[in-house]
Amino acid sequence: MSDHDAVGSLAEQEGWTAEGFAARAHYRGDGDRYSIEYYAPSHCVLYWKVKGDGETAVPVGRDTVPEPLRARIRADLDAAGVDPAVEDRPL
């Protein structure tokens, strides 16, 4: 699957959008907000915690992200035909 196809397939999943070579999703749960980005050229997933103002986000380590959200991201990747193991790939 090409990088473009991977991003397009992921953008077909609920809550995801495509922006060039990246796909993004925003999730809110348990009082926290996250922005998740999948970068096709490097085959990696980044998590950002969004501050209360909704404008500022800081990158966070996977170990700080709730497991249900991580499982959802892996399921979305798999449904899009992207190897879900990339969710845990070290940067």
N, C-alpha and C. Protein backbone atom coordinates (compact mmCIF):
# COMPACT_ATOMS: atom_id res chain seq x y z
N MET A 1 0.84 -1.17 0.00
CA MET A 1 0.00 0.00 0.00
C MET A 1 0.89 1.24 0.00
N SER A 2 0.58 2.19 -0.84
CA SER A 2 1.37 3.42 -0.90
C SER A 2 1.07 4.29 0.32
N ASP A 3 1.96 5.24 0.58
CA ASP A 3 1.74 6.18 1.69
C ASP A 3 0.42 6.92 1.51
N HIS A 4 0.15 7.36 0.29
CA HIS A 4 -1.09 8.10 0.01
C HIS A 4 -2.30 7.23 0.27
N ASP A 5 -2.25 5.97 -0.16
CA ASP A 5 -3.36 5.05 0.06
C ASP A 5 -3.58 4.79 1.55
N ALA A 6 -2.49 4.65 2.30
CA ALA A 6 -2.60 4.40 3.74
C ALA A 6 -3.31 5.55 4.44
N VAL A 7 -2.91 6.77 4.11
CA VAL A 7 -3.54 7.94 4.72
C VAL A 7 -5.01 8.03 4.30
N GLY A 8 -5.29 7.81 3.03
CA GLY A 8 -6.67 7.85 2.56
C GLY A 8 -7.54 6.80 3.22
N SER A 9 -7.02 5.61 3.38
CA SER A 9 -7.78 4.54 4.04
C SER A 9 -8.03 4.86 5.51
N LEU A 10 -7.04 5.42 6.16
CA LEU A 10 -7.21 5.79 7.56
C LEU A 10 -8.24 6.92 7.69
N ALA A 11 -8.24 7.84 6.75
CA ALA A 11 -9.20 8.95 6.78
C ALA A 11 -10.64 8.48 6.61
N GLU A 12 -10.82 7.26 6.12
CA GLU A 12 -12.17 6.69 6.00
C GLU A 12 -12.69 6.17 7.33
N GLN A 13 -11.80 6.05 8.32
CA GLN A 13 -12.21 5.58 9.64
C GLN A 13 -12.85 6.74 10.40
N GLU A 14 -13.77 6.42 11.31
CA GLU A 14 -14.50 7.44 12.05
C GLU A 14 -13.56 8.35 12.83
N GLY A 15 -13.71 9.64 12.61
CA GLY A 15 -12.95 10.64 13.35
C GLY A 15 -11.61 11.03 12.75
N TRP A 16 -11.20 10.39 11.66
CA TRP A 16 -9.89 10.67 11.06
C TRP A 16 -10.04 11.60 9.86
N THR A 17 -9.03 12.43 9.64
CA THR A 17 -8.96 13.28 8.45
C THR A 17 -7.57 13.12 7.84
N ALA A 18 -7.47 13.36 6.55
CA ALA A 18 -6.18 13.28 5.85
C ALA A 18 -5.66 14.68 5.60
N GLU A 19 -4.37 14.85 5.80
CA GLU A 19 -3.70 16.12 5.54
C GLU A 19 -2.33 15.80 4.94
N GLY A 20 -2.26 15.76 3.63
CA GLY A 20 -1.00 15.43 2.98
C GLY A 20 -0.60 13.99 3.26
N PHE A 21 0.59 13.82 3.84
CA PHE A 21 1.09 12.48 4.16
C PHE A 21 0.77 12.07 5.60
N ALA A 22 -0.18 12.77 6.22
CA ALA A 22 -0.55 12.46 7.60
C ALA A 22 -2.05 12.29 7.72
N ALA A 23 -2.43 11.49 8.69
CA ALA A 23 -3.84 11.36 9.05
C ALA A 23 -3.95 11.74 10.52
N ARG A 24 -5.03 12.46 10.85
CA ARG A 24 -5.19 12.95 12.22
C ARG A 24 -6.57 12.62 12.76
N ALA A 25 -6.60 12.41 14.07
CA ALA A 25 -7.87 12.18 14.76
C ALA A 25 -7.81 12.92 16.10
N HIS A 26 -8.97 13.32 16.57
CA HIS A 26 -9.06 14.01 17.86
C HIS A 26 -10.04 13.22 18.73
N TYR A 27 -9.64 12.97 19.96
CA TYR A 27 -10.47 12.21 20.87
C TYR A 27 -10.56 12.93 22.21
N ARG A 28 -11.71 12.81 22.81
CA ARG A 28 -11.94 13.35 24.14
C ARG A 28 -12.49 12.23 25.00
N GLY A 29 -11.97 12.11 26.18
CA GLY A 29 -12.47 11.08 27.07
C GLY A 29 -11.87 11.22 28.45
N ASP A 30 -12.66 10.95 29.45
CA ASP A 30 -12.21 10.97 30.83
C ASP A 30 -11.58 12.32 31.20
N GLY A 31 -12.11 13.40 30.62
CA GLY A 31 -11.64 14.74 30.94
C GLY A 31 -10.40 15.19 30.17
N ASP A 32 -9.80 14.31 29.38
CA ASP A 32 -8.60 14.67 28.61
C ASP A 32 -8.92 14.70 27.13
N ARG A 33 -8.16 15.50 26.41
CA ARG A 33 -8.30 15.56 24.95
C ARG A 33 -6.96 15.23 24.33
N TYR A 34 -7.03 14.44 23.24
CA TYR A 34 -5.82 14.02 22.54
C TYR A 34 -5.97 14.26 21.05
N SER A 35 -4.85 14.56 20.44
CA SER A 35 -4.74 14.59 18.98
C SER A 35 -3.77 13.47 18.62
N ILE A 36 -4.17 12.66 17.67
CA ILE A 36 -3.35 11.53 17.26
C ILE A 36 -2.98 11.72 15.80
N GLU A 37 -1.72 11.50 15.48
CA GLU A 37 -1.25 11.69 14.12
C GLU A 37 -0.51 10.44 13.64
N TYR A 38 -0.87 10.00 12.46
CA TYR A 38 -0.16 8.90 11.80
C TYR A 38 0.58 9.52 10.63
N TYR A 39 1.89 9.32 10.58
CA TYR A 39 2.71 9.83 9.50
C TYR A 39 3.11 8.68 8.58
N ALA A 40 2.59 8.69 7.38
CA ALA A 40 2.82 7.59 6.44
C ALA A 40 4.29 7.41 6.04
N PRO A 41 5.02 8.48 5.71
CA PRO A 41 6.40 8.26 5.26
C PRO A 41 7.28 7.57 6.31
N SER A 42 7.05 7.87 7.58
CA SER A 42 7.87 7.25 8.63
C SER A 42 7.14 6.12 9.35
N HIS A 43 5.90 5.87 8.98
CA HIS A 43 5.11 4.78 9.57
C HIS A 43 5.14 4.84 11.10
N CYS A 44 4.71 5.99 11.64
CA CYS A 44 4.70 6.13 13.08
C CYS A 44 3.45 6.88 13.53
N VAL A 45 3.13 6.72 14.79
CA VAL A 45 1.98 7.37 15.41
C VAL A 45 2.50 8.27 16.53
N LEU A 46 2.01 9.50 16.55
CA LEU A 46 2.35 10.43 17.62
C LEU A 46 1.08 10.79 18.38
N TYR A 47 1.21 10.92 19.68
CA TYR A 47 0.11 11.34 20.54
C TYR A 47 0.41 12.73 21.08
N TRP A 48 -0.59 13.58 21.05
CA TRP A 48 -0.49 14.93 21.59
C TRP A 48 -1.62 15.12 22.59
N LYS A 49 -1.30 15.66 23.75
CA LYS A 49 -2.34 15.99 24.72
C LYS A 49 -2.69 17.46 24.51
N VAL A 50 -3.98 17.71 24.33
CA VAL A 50 -4.46 19.06 24.04
C VAL A 50 -4.81 19.73 25.35
N LYS A 51 -4.29 20.94 25.52
CA LYS A 51 -4.55 21.72 26.73
C LYS A 51 -5.97 22.26 26.72
N GLY A 52 -6.41 22.77 27.84
CA GLY A 52 -7.77 23.27 28.01
C GLY A 52 -8.19 24.34 27.02
N ASP A 53 -7.22 25.14 26.52
CA ASP A 53 -7.59 26.20 25.58
C ASP A 53 -7.93 25.66 24.20
N GLY A 54 -7.63 24.39 23.95
CA GLY A 54 -7.91 23.78 22.66
C GLY A 54 -6.96 24.18 21.56
N GLU A 55 -6.05 25.08 21.84
CA GLU A 55 -5.11 25.58 20.84
C GLU A 55 -3.71 25.04 21.04
N THR A 56 -3.39 24.64 22.24
CA THR A 56 -2.04 24.20 22.57
C THR A 56 -2.03 22.70 22.80
N ALA A 57 -1.07 22.03 22.18
CA ALA A 57 -0.91 20.59 22.37
C ALA A 57 0.56 20.28 22.61
N VAL A 58 0.80 19.31 23.46
CA VAL A 58 2.17 18.89 23.74
C VAL A 58 2.29 17.40 23.45
N PRO A 59 3.42 16.98 22.88
CA PRO A 59 3.59 15.55 22.62
C PRO A 59 3.70 14.80 23.94
N VAL A 60 3.12 13.61 23.98
CA VAL A 60 3.18 12.79 25.18
C VAL A 60 3.62 11.38 24.83
N GLY A 61 4.24 10.73 25.78
CA GLY A 61 4.66 9.35 25.59
C GLY A 61 3.48 8.40 25.59
N ARG A 62 3.62 7.32 24.87
CA ARG A 62 2.52 6.35 24.78
C ARG A 62 2.10 5.81 26.14
N ASP A 63 3.06 5.69 27.05
CA ASP A 63 2.74 5.12 28.36
C ASP A 63 1.83 6.03 29.18
N THR A 64 1.62 7.27 28.75
CA THR A 64 0.71 8.18 29.45
C THR A 64 -0.67 8.21 28.81
N VAL A 65 -0.83 7.56 27.67
CA VAL A 65 -2.10 7.55 26.93
C VAL A 65 -2.94 6.37 27.43
N PRO A 66 -4.22 6.61 27.74
CA PRO A 66 -5.06 5.50 28.22
C PRO A 66 -5.09 4.34 27.22
N GLU A 67 -4.98 3.13 27.75
CA GLU A 67 -4.95 1.94 26.90
C GLU A 67 -6.18 1.81 26.01
N PRO A 68 -7.39 2.15 26.47
CA PRO A 68 -8.53 2.05 25.56
C PRO A 68 -8.37 2.92 24.30
N LEU A 69 -7.76 4.09 24.45
CA LEU A 69 -7.52 4.94 23.28
C LEU A 69 -6.47 4.31 22.38
N ARG A 70 -5.41 3.79 22.97
CA ARG A 70 -4.37 3.14 22.16
C ARG A 70 -4.94 1.95 21.41
N ALA A 71 -5.80 1.17 22.07
CA ALA A 71 -6.42 0.02 21.41
C ALA A 71 -7.30 0.48 20.26
N ARG A 72 -8.01 1.57 20.44
CA ARG A 72 -8.86 2.11 19.37
C ARG A 72 -8.01 2.53 18.17
N ILE A 73 -6.87 3.14 18.43
CA ILE A 73 -5.98 3.57 17.34
C ILE A 73 -5.45 2.35 16.60
N ARG A 74 -5.03 1.32 17.32
CA ARG A 74 -4.55 0.09 16.67
C ARG A 74 -5.66 -0.54 15.83
N ALA A 75 -6.88 -0.54 16.33
CA ALA A 75 -8.00 -1.10 15.58
C ALA A 75 -8.27 -0.28 14.31
N ASP A 76 -8.19 1.05 14.41
CA ASP A 76 -8.38 1.90 13.23
C ASP A 76 -7.29 1.66 12.20
N LEU A 77 -6.06 1.55 12.66
CA LEU A 77 -4.95 1.27 11.74
C LEU A 77 -5.18 -0.05 11.02
N ASP A 78 -5.54 -1.07 11.77
CA ASP A 78 -5.78 -2.39 11.20
C ASP A 78 -6.92 -2.34 10.18
N ALA A 79 -8.00 -1.66 10.51
CA ALA A 79 -9.15 -1.55 9.60
C ALA A 79 -8.77 -0.83 8.32
N ALA A 80 -7.78 0.06 8.41
CA ALA A 80 -7.34 0.82 7.24
C ALA A 80 -6.27 0.08 6.44
N GLY A 81 -5.87 -1.11 6.90
CA GLY A 81 -4.85 -1.88 6.19
C GLY A 81 -3.44 -1.48 6.54
N VAL A 82 -3.28 -0.74 7.64
CA VAL A 82 -1.96 -0.33 8.11
C VAL A 82 -1.59 -1.26 9.27
N ASP A 83 -0.36 -1.74 9.29
CA ASP A 83 0.10 -2.64 10.35
C ASP A 83 -0.11 -1.95 11.71
N PRO A 84 -0.97 -2.50 12.57
CA PRO A 84 -1.23 -1.85 13.85
C PRO A 84 -0.01 -1.80 14.77
N ALA A 85 1.03 -2.57 14.48
CA ALA A 85 2.25 -2.53 15.29
C ALA A 85 2.95 -1.18 15.20
N VAL A 86 2.66 -0.39 14.16
CA VAL A 86 3.31 0.92 14.05
C VAL A 86 2.89 1.84 15.19
N GLU A 87 1.75 1.54 15.84
CA GLU A 87 1.29 2.37 16.96
C GLU A 87 2.31 2.36 18.09
N ASP A 88 3.04 1.28 18.24
CA ASP A 88 4.01 1.13 19.33
C ASP A 88 5.45 1.30 18.86
N ARG A 89 5.62 1.74 17.64
CA ARG A 89 6.97 1.89 17.07
C ARG A 89 7.72 3.03 17.75
N PRO A 90 8.93 2.77 18.25
CA PRO A 90 9.72 3.85 18.86
C PRO A 90 10.07 4.92 17.84
N LEU A 91 10.11 6.13 18.30
CA LEU A 91 10.45 7.23 17.39
C LEU A 91 11.94 7.47 17.39
